[in-house]
C-alpha atoms as a PDB file:
ATOM      1  CA  MET A   1     -44.320  70.025 -56.186  1.00  0.00           C
ATOM      2  CA  PRO A   2     -46.388  73.159 -57.019  1.00  0.00           C
ATOM      3  CA  VAL A   3     -44.961  75.449 -59.720  1.00  0.00           C
ATOM      4  CA  ALA A   4     -45.064  78.438 -57.358  1.00  0.00           C
ATOM      5  CA  VAL A   5     -42.814  76.663 -54.832  1.00  0.00           C
ATOM      6  CA  ILE A   6     -40.346  75.667 -57.567  1.00  0.00           C
ATOM      7  CA  VAL A   7     -40.124  79.279 -58.809  1.00  0.00           C
ATOM      8  CA  LEU A   8     -39.628  80.608 -55.284  1.00  0.00           C
ATOM      9  CA  GLY A   9     -36.980  78.007 -54.482  1.00  0.00           C
ATOM     10  CA  ALA A  10     -35.097  78.712 -57.715  1.00  0.00           C
ATOM     11  CA  VAL A  11     -35.009  82.461 -57.017  1.00  0.00           C
ATOM     12  CA  ALA A  12     -33.964  81.953 -53.376  1.00  0.00           C
ATOM     13  CA  ILE A  13     -31.093  79.633 -54.352  1.00  0.00           C
ATOM     14  CA  GLY A  14     -30.053  81.650 -57.401  1.00  0.00           C
ATOM     15  CA  CYS A  15     -29.723  84.939 -55.490  1.00  0.00           C
ATOM     16  CA  VAL A  16     -26.730  83.645 -53.486  1.00  0.00           C
ATOM     17  CA  PRO A  17     -24.334  82.852 -56.392  1.00  0.00           C
ATOM     18  CA  ALA A  18     -25.628  85.955 -58.188  1.00  0.00           C
ATOM     19  CA  ALA A  19     -24.544  88.054 -55.200  1.00  0.00           C
ATOM     20  CA  HIS A  20     -21.050  86.497 -55.263  1.00  0.00           C
ATOM     21  CA  LEU A  21     -20.740  87.226 -58.991  1.00  0.00           C
ATOM     22  CA  LEU A  22     -21.921  90.809 -58.537  1.00  0.00           C
ATOM     23  CA  ALA A  23     -19.453  91.398 -55.677  1.00  0.00           C
ATOM     24  CA  SER A  24     -16.507  90.349 -57.878  1.00  0.00           C
ATOM     25  CA  ALA A  25     -17.685  92.097 -61.063  1.00  0.00           C
ATOM     26  CA  GLN A  26     -15.947  95.213 -62.396  1.00  0.00           C
ATOM     27  CA  TRP A  27     -18.841  96.823 -64.265  1.00  0.00           C
ATOM     28  CA  PRO A  28     -20.559  98.223 -61.116  1.00  0.00           C
ATOM     29  CA  ARG A  29     -17.837 100.905 -60.947  1.00  0.00           C
ATOM     30  CA  ARG A  30     -19.023 102.150 -64.328  1.00  0.00           C
ATOM     31  CA  SER A  31     -22.588 102.620 -63.079  1.00  0.00           C
ATOM     32  CA  PRO A  32     -22.911 102.518 -59.268  1.00  0.00           C
ATOM     33  CA  ALA A  33     -26.611 103.450 -59.315  1.00  0.00           C
ATOM     34  CA  VAL A  34     -27.548 100.467 -61.499  1.00  0.00           C
ATOM     35  CA  ALA A  35     -25.393  98.141 -59.397  1.00  0.00           C
ATOM     36  CA  ILE A  36     -27.018  99.340 -56.169  1.00  0.00           C
ATOM     37  CA  ALA A  37     -30.457  98.743 -57.678  1.00  0.00           C
ATOM     38  CA  LEU A  38     -29.408  95.190 -58.527  1.00  0.00           C
ATOM     39  CA  TRP A  39     -28.022  94.627 -55.007  1.00  0.00           C
ATOM     40  CA  GLN A  40     -31.288  95.849 -53.492  1.00  0.00           C
ATOM     41  CA  ALA A  41     -33.272  93.589 -55.808  1.00  0.00           C
ATOM     42  CA  LEU A  42     -31.162  90.555 -54.876  1.00  0.00           C
ATOM     43  CA  GLY A  43     -31.651  91.231 -51.173  1.00  0.00           C
ATOM     44  CA  LEU A  44     -35.391  91.797 -51.403  1.00  0.00           C
ATOM     45  CA  GLY A  45     -35.911  88.974 -53.886  1.00  0.00           C
ATOM     46  CA  TRP A  46     -33.990  86.517 -51.688  1.00  0.00           C
ATOM     47  CA  GLY A  47     -36.048  87.438 -48.624  1.00  0.00           C
ATOM     48  CA  VAL A  48     -39.412  87.131 -50.383  1.00  0.00           C
ATOM     49  CA  ALA A  49     -38.440  83.950 -52.225  1.00  0.00           C
ATOM     50  CA  THR A  50     -36.996  82.173 -49.181  1.00  0.00           C
ATOM     51  CA  VAL A  51     -39.961  82.954 -46.966  1.00  0.00           C
ATOM     52  CA  GLY A  52     -42.352  82.039 -49.769  1.00  0.00           C
ATOM     53  CA  ALA A  53     -40.595  78.764 -50.644  1.00  0.00           C
ATOM     54  CA  LEU A  54     -40.645  77.584 -47.034  1.00  0.00           C
ATOM     55  CA  ALA A  55     -44.279  78.581 -46.650  1.00  0.00           C
ATOM     56  CA  GLY A  56     -45.267  77.036 -49.981  1.00  0.00           C
ATOM     57  CA  PHE A  57     -43.651  73.700 -49.197  1.00  0.00           C
ATOM     58  CA  GLY A  58     -45.317  73.711 -45.798  1.00  0.00           C
ATOM     59  CA  VAL A  59     -48.738  74.636 -47.116  1.00  0.00           C
ATOM     60  CA  ALA A  60     -48.765  72.033 -49.910  1.00  0.00           C
ATOM     61  CA  GLY A  61     -50.559  69.032 -48.497  1.00  0.00           C
ATOM     62  CA  LEU A  62     -51.519  70.585 -45.154  1.00  0.00           C
ATOM     63  CA  GLU A  63     -54.526  72.667 -46.129  1.00  0.00           C
ATOM     64  CA  ALA A  64     -57.302  70.264 -47.007  1.00  0.00           C
ATOM     65  CA  GLY A  65     -59.242  70.993 -50.169  1.00  0.00           C
ATOM     66  CA  GLN A  66     -57.555  74.310 -50.962  1.00  0.00           C
ATOM     67  CA  ALA A  67     -54.785  73.276 -53.360  1.00  0.00           C
ATOM     68  CA  GLY A  68     -55.261  74.464 -56.930  1.00  0.00           C
ATOM     69  CA  ARG A  69     -57.918  77.040 -56.053  1.00  0.00           C
ATOM     70  CA  ARG A  70     -56.287  79.730 -53.939  1.00  0.00           C
ATOM     71  CA  PRO A  71     -52.987  81.656 -54.189  1.00  0.00           C
ATOM     72  CA  LEU A  72     -50.055  80.527 -52.084  1.00  0.00           C
ATOM     73  CA  LEU A  73     -50.148  83.691 -49.966  1.00  0.00           C
ATOM     74  CA  THR A  74     -53.854  83.341 -49.128  1.00  0.00           C
ATOM     75  CA  THR A  75     -53.563  79.620 -48.493  1.00  0.00           C
ATOM     76  CA  GLY A  76     -50.527  80.131 -46.268  1.00  0.00           C
ATOM     77  CA  VAL A  77     -52.307  82.664 -44.055  1.00  0.00           C
ATOM     78  CA  SER A  78     -55.344  80.390 -43.822  1.00  0.00           C
ATOM     79  CA  THR A  79     -53.190  77.383 -42.982  1.00  0.00           C
ATOM     80  CA  LEU A  80     -51.294  79.287 -40.321  1.00  0.00           C
ATOM     81  CA  ALA A  81     -54.529  80.427 -38.712  1.00  0.00           C
ATOM     82  CA  ARG A  82     -55.916  76.890 -38.712  1.00  0.00           C
ATOM     83  CA  THR A  83     -52.621  75.527 -37.344  1.00  0.00           C
ATOM     84  CA  SER A  84     -52.886  77.826 -34.338  1.00  0.00           C
ATOM     85  CA  ARG A  85     -56.350  76.349 -33.666  1.00  0.00           C
ATOM     86  CA  GLY A  86     -55.157  72.777 -34.286  1.00  0.00           C
ATOM     87  CA  GLY A  87     -57.419  72.350 -37.308  1.00  0.00           C
ATOM     88  CA  VAL A  88     -54.972  71.531 -40.106  1.00  0.00           C
ATOM     89  CA  THR A  89     -55.541  68.346 -42.048  1.00  0.00           C
ATOM     90  CA  THR A  90     -53.738  66.759 -44.934  1.00  0.00           C
ATOM     91  CA  ALA A  91     -55.283  67.389 -48.337  1.00  0.00           C
ATOM     92  CA  PRO A  92     -57.448  64.551 -49.686  1.00  0.00           C
ATOM     93  CA  ARG A  93     -56.346  62.925 -52.873  1.00  0.00           C
ATOM     94  CA  SER A  94     -58.259  63.809 -56.014  1.00  0.00           C
ATOM     95  CA  GLY A  95     -57.935  63.188 -59.728  1.00  0.00           C
ATOM     96  CA  PRO A  96     -57.622  60.062 -61.888  1.00  0.00           C
ATOM     97  CA  GLY A  97     -55.080  58.390 -59.607  1.00  0.00           C
ATOM     98  CA  ALA A  98     -57.057  58.940 -56.415  1.00  0.00           C
ATOM     99  CA  SER A  99     -58.703  55.496 -56.352  1.00  0.00           C
ATOM    100  CA  VAL A 100     -55.392  53.734 -57.088  1.00  0.00           C
ATOM    101  CA  ALA A 101     -53.558  55.764 -54.418  1.00  0.00           C
ATOM    102  CA  THR A 102     -56.313  55.124 -51.893  1.00  0.00           C
ATOM    103  CA  ALA A 103     -56.256  51.403 -52.623  1.00  0.00           C
ATOM    104  CA  THR A 104     -52.461  51.364 -52.275  1.00  0.00           C
ATOM    105  CA  GLU A 105     -52.604  53.132 -48.945  1.00  0.00           C
ATOM    106  CA  ARG A 106     -55.352  50.760 -47.728  1.00  0.00           C
ATOM    107  CA  ALA A 107     -53.256  47.734 -48.777  1.00  0.00           C
ATOM    108  CA  ALA A 108     -50.215  49.177 -47.002  1.00  0.00           C
ATOM    109  CA  ARG A 109     -52.220  49.676 -43.817  1.00  0.00           C
ATOM    110  CA  GLU A 110     -53.540  46.111 -43.989  1.00  0.00           C
ATOM    111  CA  LEU A 111     -50.046  44.715 -44.655  1.00  0.00           C
ATOM    112  CA  PHE A 112     -47.978  46.780 -42.203  1.00  0.00           C
ATOM    113  CA  GLY A 113     -50.594  48.041 -39.819  1.00  0.00           C
ATOM    114  CA  SER A 114     -51.265  51.656 -38.908  1.00  0.00           C
ATOM    115  CA  ALA A 115     -47.669  52.126 -37.742  1.00  0.00           C
ATOM    116  CA  GLY A 116     -46.079  50.634 -40.884  1.00  0.00           C
ATOM    117  CA  PRO A 117     -43.563  52.352 -43.203  1.00  0.00           C
ATOM    118  CA  ALA A 118     -46.295  54.073 -45.229  1.00  0.00           C
ATOM    119  CA  ALA A 119     -47.855  55.579 -42.117  1.00  0.00           C
ATOM    120  CA  ARG A 120     -44.488  56.601 -40.708  1.00  0.00           C
ATOM    121  CA  PHE A 121     -43.508  58.247 -43.998  1.00  0.00           C
ATOM    122  CA  SER A 122     -46.814  60.109 -44.124  1.00  0.00           C
ATOM    123  CA  ASN A 123     -46.382  61.335 -40.552  1.00  0.00           C
ATOM    124  CA  ALA A 124     -42.792  62.392 -41.241  1.00  0.00           C
ATOM    125  CA  MET A 125     -43.840  64.386 -44.305  1.00  0.00           C
ATOM    126  CA  TYR A 126     -46.619  66.021 -42.316  1.00  0.00           C
ATOM    127  CA  ASP A 127     -44.162  67.023 -39.590  1.00  0.00           C
ATOM    128  CA  LEU A 128     -41.635  68.267 -42.155  1.00  0.00           C
ATOM    129  CA  ARG A 129     -44.227  70.457 -43.864  1.00  0.00           C
ATOM    130  CA  LEU A 130     -45.377  71.846 -40.546  1.00  0.00           C
ATOM    131  CA  VAL A 131     -41.767  72.667 -39.577  1.00  0.00           C
ATOM    132  CA  SER A 132     -41.241  74.345 -42.961  1.00  0.00           C
ATOM    133  CA  LEU A 133     -44.325  76.507 -42.455  1.00  0.00           C
ATOM    134  CA  MET A 134     -43.186  77.511 -38.973  1.00  0.00           C
ATOM    135  CA  ALA A 135     -39.679  78.240 -40.304  1.00  0.00           C
ATOM    136  CA  SER A 136     -41.100  80.645 -42.887  1.00  0.00           C
ATOM    137  CA  VAL A 137     -42.953  82.558 -40.186  1.00  0.00           C
ATOM    138  CA  LEU A 138     -39.854  82.622 -37.981  1.00  0.00           C
ATOM    139  CA  LEU A 139     -37.610  83.845 -40.830  1.00  0.00           C
ATOM    140  CA  LEU A 140     -40.049  86.625 -41.720  1.00  0.00           C
ATOM    141  CA  ALA A 141     -40.219  87.708 -38.079  1.00  0.00           C
ATOM    142  CA  VAL A 142     -36.405  87.641 -37.742  1.00  0.00           C
ATOM    143  CA  LEU A 143     -35.878  89.725 -40.897  1.00  0.00           C
ATOM    144  CA  CYS A 144     -38.424  92.319 -39.772  1.00  0.00           C
ATOM    145  CA  TRP A 145     -36.938  92.419 -36.271  1.00  0.00           C
ATOM    146  CA  ILE A 146     -33.401  92.857 -37.641  1.00  0.00           C
ATOM    147  CA  LEU A 147     -34.455  95.816 -39.766  1.00  0.00           C
ATOM    148  CA  LEU A 148     -36.454  97.478 -36.984  1.00  0.00           C
ATOM    149  CA  ALA A 149     -33.623  96.975 -34.491  1.00  0.00           C
ATOM    150  CA  ALA A 150     -31.138  98.502 -36.931  1.00  0.00           C
ATOM    151  CA  VAL A 151     -33.387 101.516 -37.501  1.00  0.00           C
ATOM    152  CA  GLN A 152     -33.803 102.007 -33.765  1.00  0.00           C
ATOM    153  CA  GLY A 153     -30.061 101.700 -33.158  1.00  0.00           C
ATOM    154  CA  VAL A 154     -29.187 104.202 -35.885  1.00  0.00           C
ATOM    155  CA  LEU A 155     -31.777 106.723 -34.691  1.00  0.00           C
ATOM    156  CA  ARG A 156     -30.494 106.420 -31.121  1.00  0.00           C
ATOM    157  CA  ALA A 157     -26.884 106.919 -32.258  1.00  0.00           C
ATOM    158  CA  ARG A 158     -27.786 109.939 -34.369  1.00  0.00           C
ATOM    159  CA  HIS A 159     -29.722 111.532 -31.540  1.00  0.00           C
ATOM    160  CA  ARG A 160     -26.714 111.072 -29.252  1.00  0.00           C
ATOM    161  CA  GLN A 161     -24.367 112.450 -31.924  1.00  0.00           C
ATOM    162  CA  MET A 162     -26.504 115.548 -32.521  1.00  0.00           C
ATOM    163  CA  ALA A 163     -26.677 116.190 -28.764  1.00  0.00           C
ATOM    164  CA  LEU A 164     -22.873 116.044 -28.559  1.00  0.00           C
ATOM    165  CA  LEU A 165     -22.496 118.349 -31.548  1.00  0.00           C
ATOM    166  CA  LYS A 166     -24.680 120.964 -29.874  1.00  0.00           C
ATOM    167  CA  LEU A 167     -22.237 120.991 -26.972  1.00  0.00           C
ATOM    168  CA  LEU A 168     -18.895 120.609 -28.753  1.00  0.00           C
ATOM    169  CA  ALA A 169     -19.208 121.856 -32.345  1.00  0.00           C
ATOM    170  CA  HIS A 170     -19.047 125.368 -33.756  1.00  0.00           C
ATOM    171  CA  GLY A 171     -19.140 127.069 -37.126  1.00  0.00           C
ATOM    172  CA  ASP A 172     -16.131 128.175 -39.161  1.00  0.00           C
ATOM    173  CA  PRO A 173     -15.964 130.453 -42.240  1.00  0.00           C
ATOM    174  CA  LYS A 174     -13.547 128.008 -43.919  1.00  0.00           C
ATOM    175  CA  VAL A 175     -16.323 125.415 -44.177  1.00  0.00           C
ATOM    176  CA  PRO A 176     -19.647 127.245 -44.568  1.00  0.00           C
ATOM    177  CA  GLY A 177     -22.663 125.140 -43.618  1.00  0.00           C
ATOM    178  CA  ALA A 178     -20.593 122.641 -41.642  1.00  0.00           C
ATOM    179  CA  LEU A 179     -19.826 122.153 -37.965  1.00  0.00           C
ATOM    180  CA  VAL A 180     -16.268 122.006 -36.681  1.00  0.00           C
ATOM    181  CA  VAL A 181     -15.164 119.780 -33.800  1.00  0.00           C
ATOM    182  CA  ASP A 182     -11.870 120.531 -32.066  1.00  0.00           C
ATOM    183  CA  HIS A 183     -10.221 117.169 -32.561  1.00  0.00           C
ATOM    184  CA  PRO A 184      -6.686 116.609 -33.901  1.00  0.00           C
ATOM    185  CA  ALA A 185      -7.555 113.546 -36.023  1.00  0.00           C
ATOM    186  CA  ALA A 186      -8.541 114.262 -39.617  1.00  0.00           C
ATOM    187  CA  THR A 187     -12.132 113.271 -40.286  1.00  0.00           C
ATOM    188  CA  ALA A 188     -15.122 114.534 -42.202  1.00  0.00           C
ATOM    189  CA  TYR A 189     -18.578 112.986 -42.088  1.00  0.00           C
ATOM    190  CA  CYS A 190     -22.273 113.763 -42.317  1.00  0.00           C
ATOM    191  CA  VAL A 191     -25.109 112.839 -39.967  1.00  0.00           C
ATOM    192  CA  PRO A 192     -28.216 112.213 -42.125  1.00  0.00           C
ATOM    193  CA  GLY A 193     -31.772 112.679 -40.953  1.00  0.00           C
ATOM    194  CA  LEU A 194     -34.461 115.319 -40.732  1.00  0.00           C
ATOM    195  CA  ARG A 195     -31.961 117.575 -38.975  1.00  0.00           C
ATOM    196  CA  SER A 196     -28.796 116.650 -40.841  1.00  0.00           C
ATOM    197  CA  ALA A 197     -25.304 118.017 -40.263  1.00  0.00           C
ATOM    198  CA  ILE A 198     -21.859 117.943 -41.880  1.00  0.00           C
ATOM    199  CA  VAL A 199     -18.985 117.640 -39.404  1.00  0.00           C
ATOM    200  CA  ILE A 200     -15.359 118.561 -40.029  1.00  0.00           C
ATOM    201  CA  SER A 201     -12.613 118.068 -37.465  1.00  0.00           C
ATOM    202  CA  ALA A 202      -9.966 120.688 -36.658  1.00  0.00           C
ATOM    203  CA  GLY A 203      -7.384 118.184 -37.876  1.00  0.00           C
ATOM    204  CA  THR A 204      -9.019 118.195 -41.309  1.00  0.00           C
ATOM    205  CA  LEU A 205      -8.974 122.012 -41.441  1.00  0.00           C
ATOM    206  CA  ASN A 206      -5.229 121.955 -40.759  1.00  0.00           C
ATOM    207  CA  LEU A 207      -4.568 119.149 -43.235  1.00  0.00           C
ATOM    208  CA  LEU A 208      -6.518 120.242 -46.329  1.00  0.00           C
ATOM    209  CA  ASP A 209      -6.444 123.426 -48.357  1.00  0.00           C
ATOM    210  CA  GLN A 210      -9.551 125.429 -49.217  1.00  0.00           C
ATOM    211  CA  ALA A 211     -10.179 123.700 -52.568  1.00  0.00           C
ATOM    212  CA  GLU A 212      -9.920 120.243 -51.010  1.00  0.00           C
ATOM    213  CA  LEU A 213     -12.247 121.237 -48.181  1.00  0.00           C
ATOM    214  CA  ALA A 214     -14.811 122.446 -50.721  1.00  0.00           C
ATOM    215  CA  ALA A 215     -14.616 119.106 -52.551  1.00  0.00           C
ATOM    216  CA  VAL A 216     -15.134 117.183 -49.301  1.00  0.00           C
ATOM    217  CA  LEU A 217     -18.161 119.339 -48.463  1.00  0.00           C
ATOM    218  CA  GLU A 218     -19.686 118.588 -51.884  1.00  0.00           C
ATOM    219  CA  HIS A 219     -19.140 114.883 -51.278  1.00  0.00           C
ATOM    220  CA  GLU A 220     -20.953 115.009 -47.929  1.00  0.00           C
ATOM    221  CA  ARG A 221     -23.795 117.114 -49.352  1.00  0.00           C
ATOM    222  CA  ALA A 222     -24.250 114.450 -52.030  1.00  0.00           C
ATOM    223  CA  HIS A 223     -24.722 111.827 -49.290  1.00  0.00           C
ATOM    224  CA  LEU A 224     -27.342 113.964 -47.572  1.00  0.00           C
ATOM    225  CA  ARG A 225     -29.280 114.854 -50.724  1.00  0.00           C
ATOM    226  CA  ALA A 226     -29.454 111.249 -51.962  1.00  0.00           C
ATOM    227  CA  ARG A 227     -30.159 109.781 -48.474  1.00  0.00           C
ATOM    228  CA  HIS A 228     -27.498 107.132 -48.941  1.00  0.00           C
ATOM    229  CA  ASP A 229     -27.990 106.131 -45.322  1.00  0.00           C
ATOM    230  CA  LEU A 230     -31.310 104.544 -46.287  1.00  0.00           C
ATOM    231  CA  VAL A 231     -29.585 102.592 -49.057  1.00  0.00           C
ATOM    232  CA  LEU A 232     -27.029 101.183 -46.614  1.00  0.00           C
ATOM    233  CA  LEU A 233     -29.414 100.445 -43.743  1.00  0.00           C
ATOM    234  CA  PRO A 234     -30.768  97.018 -44.877  1.00  0.00           C
ATOM    235  CA  PHE A 235     -27.277  95.745 -45.722  1.00  0.00           C
ATOM    236  CA  THR A 236     -25.861  96.982 -42.429  1.00  0.00           C
ATOM    237  CA  ALA A 237     -28.711  95.265 -40.587  1.00  0.00           C
ATOM    238  CA  LEU A 238     -28.086  91.958 -42.375  1.00  0.00           C
ATOM    239  CA  LEU A 239     -24.362  92.169 -41.644  1.00  0.00           C
ATOM    240  CA  ARG A 240     -24.984  92.668 -37.916  1.00  0.00           C
ATOM    241  CA  ALA A 241     -27.302  89.670 -37.811  1.00  0.00           C
ATOM    242  CA  PHE A 242     -25.298  87.358 -40.128  1.00  0.00           C
ATOM    243  CA  ARG A 243     -21.647  88.249 -39.541  1.00  0.00           C
ATOM    244  CA  TRP A 244     -20.763  84.617 -40.253  1.00  0.00           C
ATOM    245  CA  SER A 245     -22.168  84.929 -43.783  1.00  0.00           C
ATOM    246  CA  ALA A 246     -19.622  85.722 -46.514  1.00  0.00           C
ATOM    247  CA  THR A 247     -22.480  86.892 -48.730  1.00  0.00           C
ATOM    248  CA  ALA A 248     -23.631  89.442 -46.148  1.00  0.00           C
ATOM    249  CA  ARG A 249     -20.068  90.744 -45.747  1.00  0.00           C
ATOM    250  CA  GLU A 250     -19.564  90.994 -49.509  1.00  0.00           C
ATOM    251  CA  ALA A 251     -22.886  92.784 -50.000  1.00  0.00           C
ATOM    252  CA  ASN A 252     -22.245  95.324 -47.254  1.00  0.00           C
ATOM    253  CA  ARG A 253     -18.738  96.127 -48.465  1.00  0.00           C
ATOM    254  CA  ALA A 254     -19.781  96.361 -52.119  1.00  0.00           C
ATOM    255  CA  VAL A 255     -22.767  98.623 -51.472  1.00  0.00           C
ATOM    256  CA  SER A 256     -20.740 100.832 -49.110  1.00  0.00           C
ATOM    257  CA  LEU A 257     -18.126 101.339 -51.827  1.00  0.00           C
ATOM    258  CA  LEU A 258     -20.754 102.007 -54.503  1.00  0.00           C
ATOM    259  CA  VAL A 259     -22.476 104.599 -52.322  1.00  0.00           C
ATOM    260  CA  GLU A 260     -19.158 106.436 -51.867  1.00  0.00           C
ATOM    261  CA  MET A 261     -18.550 106.300 -55.613  1.00  0.00           C
ATOM    262  CA  MET A 262     -21.971 107.815 -56.247  1.00  0.00           C
ATOM    263  CA  ALA A 263     -21.160 110.665 -53.863  1.00  0.00           C
ATOM    264  CA  ASP A 264     -17.768 111.081 -55.585  1.00  0.00           C
ATOM    265  CA  ASP A 265     -19.502 111.380 -58.978  1.00  0.00           C
ATOM    266  CA  ARG A 266     -21.870 114.059 -57.709  1.00  0.00           C
ATOM    267  CA  ALA A 267     -19.047 115.975 -56.044  1.00  0.00           C
ATOM    268  CA  ARG A 268     -16.954 116.101 -59.216  1.00  0.00           C
ATOM    269  CA  ARG A 269     -19.834 117.751 -61.047  1.00  0.00           C
ATOM    270  CA  HIS A 270     -19.156 120.826 -58.928  1.00  0.00           C
ATOM    271  CA  ARG A 271     -15.448 120.504 -58.138  1.00  0.00           C
ATOM    272  CA  PRO A 272     -12.426 119.151 -60.046  1.00  0.00           C
ATOM    273  CA  ALA A 273     -11.942 115.435 -59.429  1.00  0.00           C
ATOM    274  CA  ARG A 274      -8.290 115.941 -58.460  1.00  0.00           C
ATOM    275  CA  GLU A 275      -9.272 118.100 -55.483  1.00  0.00           C
ATOM    276  CA  LEU A 276     -11.430 115.360 -53.999  1.00  0.00           C
ATOM    277  CA  ALA A 277      -8.885 112.652 -54.833  1.00  0.00           C
ATOM    278  CA  THR A 278      -6.046 114.464 -53.041  1.00  0.00           C
ATOM    279  CA  ALA A 279      -8.325 115.195 -50.070  1.00  0.00           C
ATOM    280  CA  LEU A 280      -9.240 111.497 -49.776  1.00  0.00           C
ATOM    281  CA  LEU A 281      -5.593 110.482 -49.959  1.00  0.00           C
ATOM    282  CA  ARG A 282      -4.519 113.015 -47.349  1.00  0.00           C
ATOM    283  CA  VAL A 283      -7.227 111.986 -44.901  1.00  0.00           C
ATOM    284  CA  GLY A 284      -6.700 108.277 -45.588  1.00  0.00           C
ATOM    285  CA  VAL A 285      -2.917 108.416 -45.179  1.00  0.00           C
ATOM    286  CA  SER A 286      -3.289 110.360 -41.928  1.00  0.00           C
ATOM    287  CA  GLY A 287      -5.265 107.457 -40.494  1.00  0.00           C
ATOM    288  CA  GLY A 288      -8.487 109.439 -40.148  1.00  0.00           C
ATOM    289  CA  GLY A 289     -11.837 109.165 -41.862  1.00  0.00           C
ATOM    290  CA  GLN A 290     -13.674 107.098 -39.246  1.00  0.00           C
ATOM    291  CA  ALA A 291     -17.286 108.097 -38.663  1.00  0.00           C
ATOM    292  CA  PRO A 292     -19.528 107.410 -35.665  1.00  0.00           C
ATOM    293  CA  THR A 293     -22.436 104.984 -35.929  1.00  0.00           C
ATOM    294  CA  GLY A 294     -25.206 106.285 -38.173  1.00  0.00           C
ATOM    295  CA  ALA A 295     -22.917 108.714 -40.053  1.00  0.00           C
ATOM    296  CA  LEU A 296     -21.214 108.577 -43.467  1.00  0.00           C
ATOM    297  CA  ALA A 297     -17.543 109.564 -43.729  1.00  0.00           C
ATOM    298  CA  ALA A 298     -15.766 110.739 -46.858  1.00  0.00           C
ATOM    299  CA  ALA A 299     -12.741 108.447 -46.412  1.00  0.00           C
ATOM    300  CA  ASP A 300     -14.132 105.686 -44.155  1.00  0.00           C
ATOM    301  CA  GLN A 301     -13.030 102.865 -46.488  1.00  0.00           C
ATOM    302  CA  PRO A 302     -10.419 100.059 -46.340  1.00  0.00           C
ATOM    303  CA  GLY A 303      -7.131 100.848 -48.073  1.00  0.00           C
ATOM    304  CA  GLY A 304      -7.909  98.959 -51.262  1.00  0.00           C
ATOM    305  CA  ASP A 305     -11.360 100.493 -51.629  1.00  0.00           C
ATOM    306  CA  LEU A 306     -10.029 103.999 -51.006  1.00  0.00           C
ATOM    307  CA  ALA A 307      -7.344 103.463 -53.652  1.00  0.00           C
ATOM    308  CA  ALA A 308     -10.014 102.239 -56.083  1.00  0.00           C
ATOM    309  CA  ARG A 309     -12.037 105.419 -55.483  1.00  0.00           C
ATOM    310  CA  VAL A 310      -9.015 107.667 -56.054  1.00  0.00           C
ATOM    311  CA  THR A 311      -8.091 105.796 -59.250  1.00  0.00           C
ATOM    312  CA  ARG A 312     -11.671 106.077 -60.472  1.00  0.00           C
ATOM    313  CA  LEU A 313     -11.721 109.828 -59.786  1.00  0.00           C
ATOM    314  CA  LEU A 314      -8.486 110.446 -61.665  1.00  0.00           C
ATOM    315  CA  ARG A 315      -9.266 108.012 -64.508  1.00  0.00           C
ATOM    316  CA  PRO A 316     -13.059 107.766 -64.755  1.00  0.00           C
ATOM    317  CA  PRO A 317     -14.244 104.586 -66.511  1.00  0.00           C
ATOM    318  CA  PRO A 318     -16.723 104.900 -69.386  1.00  0.00           C
ATOM    319  CA  ASP A 319     -20.392 104.772 -68.481  1.00  0.00           C
ATOM    320  CA  LEU A 320     -22.332 101.592 -69.177  1.00  0.00           C
ATOM    321  CA  PRO A 321     -24.085 101.594 -72.567  1.00  0.00           C
ATOM    322  CA  LEU A 322     -27.759 102.437 -72.328  1.00  0.00           C
ATOM    323  CA  TYR A 323     -28.879  98.990 -73.468  1.00  0.00           C
ATOM    324  CA  SER A 324     -26.742  97.343 -70.760  1.00  0.00           C
ATOM    325  CA  ALA A 325     -28.191  99.588 -68.071  1.00  0.00           C
ATOM    326  CA  VAL A 326     -31.743  98.865 -69.262  1.00  0.00           C
ATOM    327  CA  LEU A 327     -31.043  95.110 -69.332  1.00  0.00           C
ATOM    328  CA  LEU A 328     -29.600  95.119 -65.810  1.00  0.00           C
ATOM    329  CA  CYS A 329     -32.511  97.162 -64.475  1.00  0.00           C
ATOM    330  CA  SER A 330     -34.911  94.690 -66.105  1.00  0.00           C
ATOM    331  CA  VAL A 331     -33.107  91.814 -64.403  1.00  0.00           C
ATOM    332  CA  ALA A 332     -33.358  93.638 -61.065  1.00  0.00           C
ATOM    333  CA  ALA A 333     -37.088  94.138 -61.563  1.00  0.00           C
ATOM    334  CA  LEU A 334     -37.547  90.487 -62.532  1.00  0.00           C
ATOM    335  CA  VAL A 335     -35.742  89.265 -59.396  1.00  0.00           C
ATOM    336  CA  VAL A 336     -38.347  91.076 -57.274  1.00  0.00           C
ATOM    337  CA  ILE A 337     -41.405  90.562 -59.469  1.00  0.00           C
ATOM    338  CA  ALA A 338     -40.938  86.798 -60.035  1.00  0.00           C
ATOM    339  CA  PRO A 339     -41.153  85.704 -56.363  1.00  0.00           C
ATOM    340  CA  THR A 340     -43.886  88.247 -55.661  1.00  0.00           C
ATOM    341  CA  ALA A 341     -45.970  86.911 -58.549  1.00  0.00           C
ATOM    342  CA  ALA A 342     -45.294  83.329 -57.471  1.00  0.00           C
ATOM    343  CA  MET A 343     -46.776  84.139 -54.073  1.00  0.00           C
ATOM    344  CA  LEU A 344     -50.010  85.035 -55.872  1.00  0.00           C
ATOM    345  CA  LEU A 345     -50.119  81.883 -57.993  1.00  0.00           C
ATOM    346  CA  PRO A 346     -52.533  79.100 -56.984  1.00  0.00           C
ATOM    347  CA  LEU A 347     -50.974  76.011 -55.443  1.00  0.00           C
END
């Protein structure tokens, strides 16, 4: 088995238990930015490694005369092109054991005939490698399609939301820079994009005092400035495609919570943490906080996650030590770099 395929397979398999461990860890609340970087690295590293491992296993032994001289990525593209033309052949044996292997195969053919166990095993391996190569192409296409479909869906939802806001929303001096919708339910959310907007419901204006409203506005501005919607998009897309996967559900929930914590941290730089905490509790207890598709709401979290955010605001945990943050960022970089480099290694 080529070293490149072993590296890719190890990374692809290792990313799954690593994601489960990260989802249950407590340290991400001390440094949400570092944790999000690690989540992104695990997602990207798993995708590259899985596609590469399937392609590498399929390429090994299919592309005649190329093994050991060209990188996996180049060989895979060449093999795929030749497969479409029906020109793929199994690689000839070479090296010190070539004559022994050839003699063994010749003896097996003479003993069992062309349809003997040796021939059937060789044909089965050929078919398995071809299926693996096709599976890698299919997985890559599915992942790209999922992401593009999610982007299209979010853009469509935001366009519809902005069109509705033009008709229904209006300004209010209590919340400068935000749009107010006459709705009794308490909710506050932002619609990211080139033409972003912060939306506050009339129910929220009646529920919160001026200080709490200012804290909520800072929270939503933090989402818009940091473009947290782009951070969430890949995880939301994976969740829609793989709702049966516990790993996809854990990743989406964890990253959603970390994004809200990052916005909380930025908001408390400008406003007292207690103001935002009481605003979140008021909106959460009232049953509001839900945001439309493509938007980010201040209190759109399950009960336990919302309680964790409030506790963190009132009793902030200590930041991660610098050496720990550097180590975790190095691990995140390695998870992406290792499978990428393996794709460039010769088979």
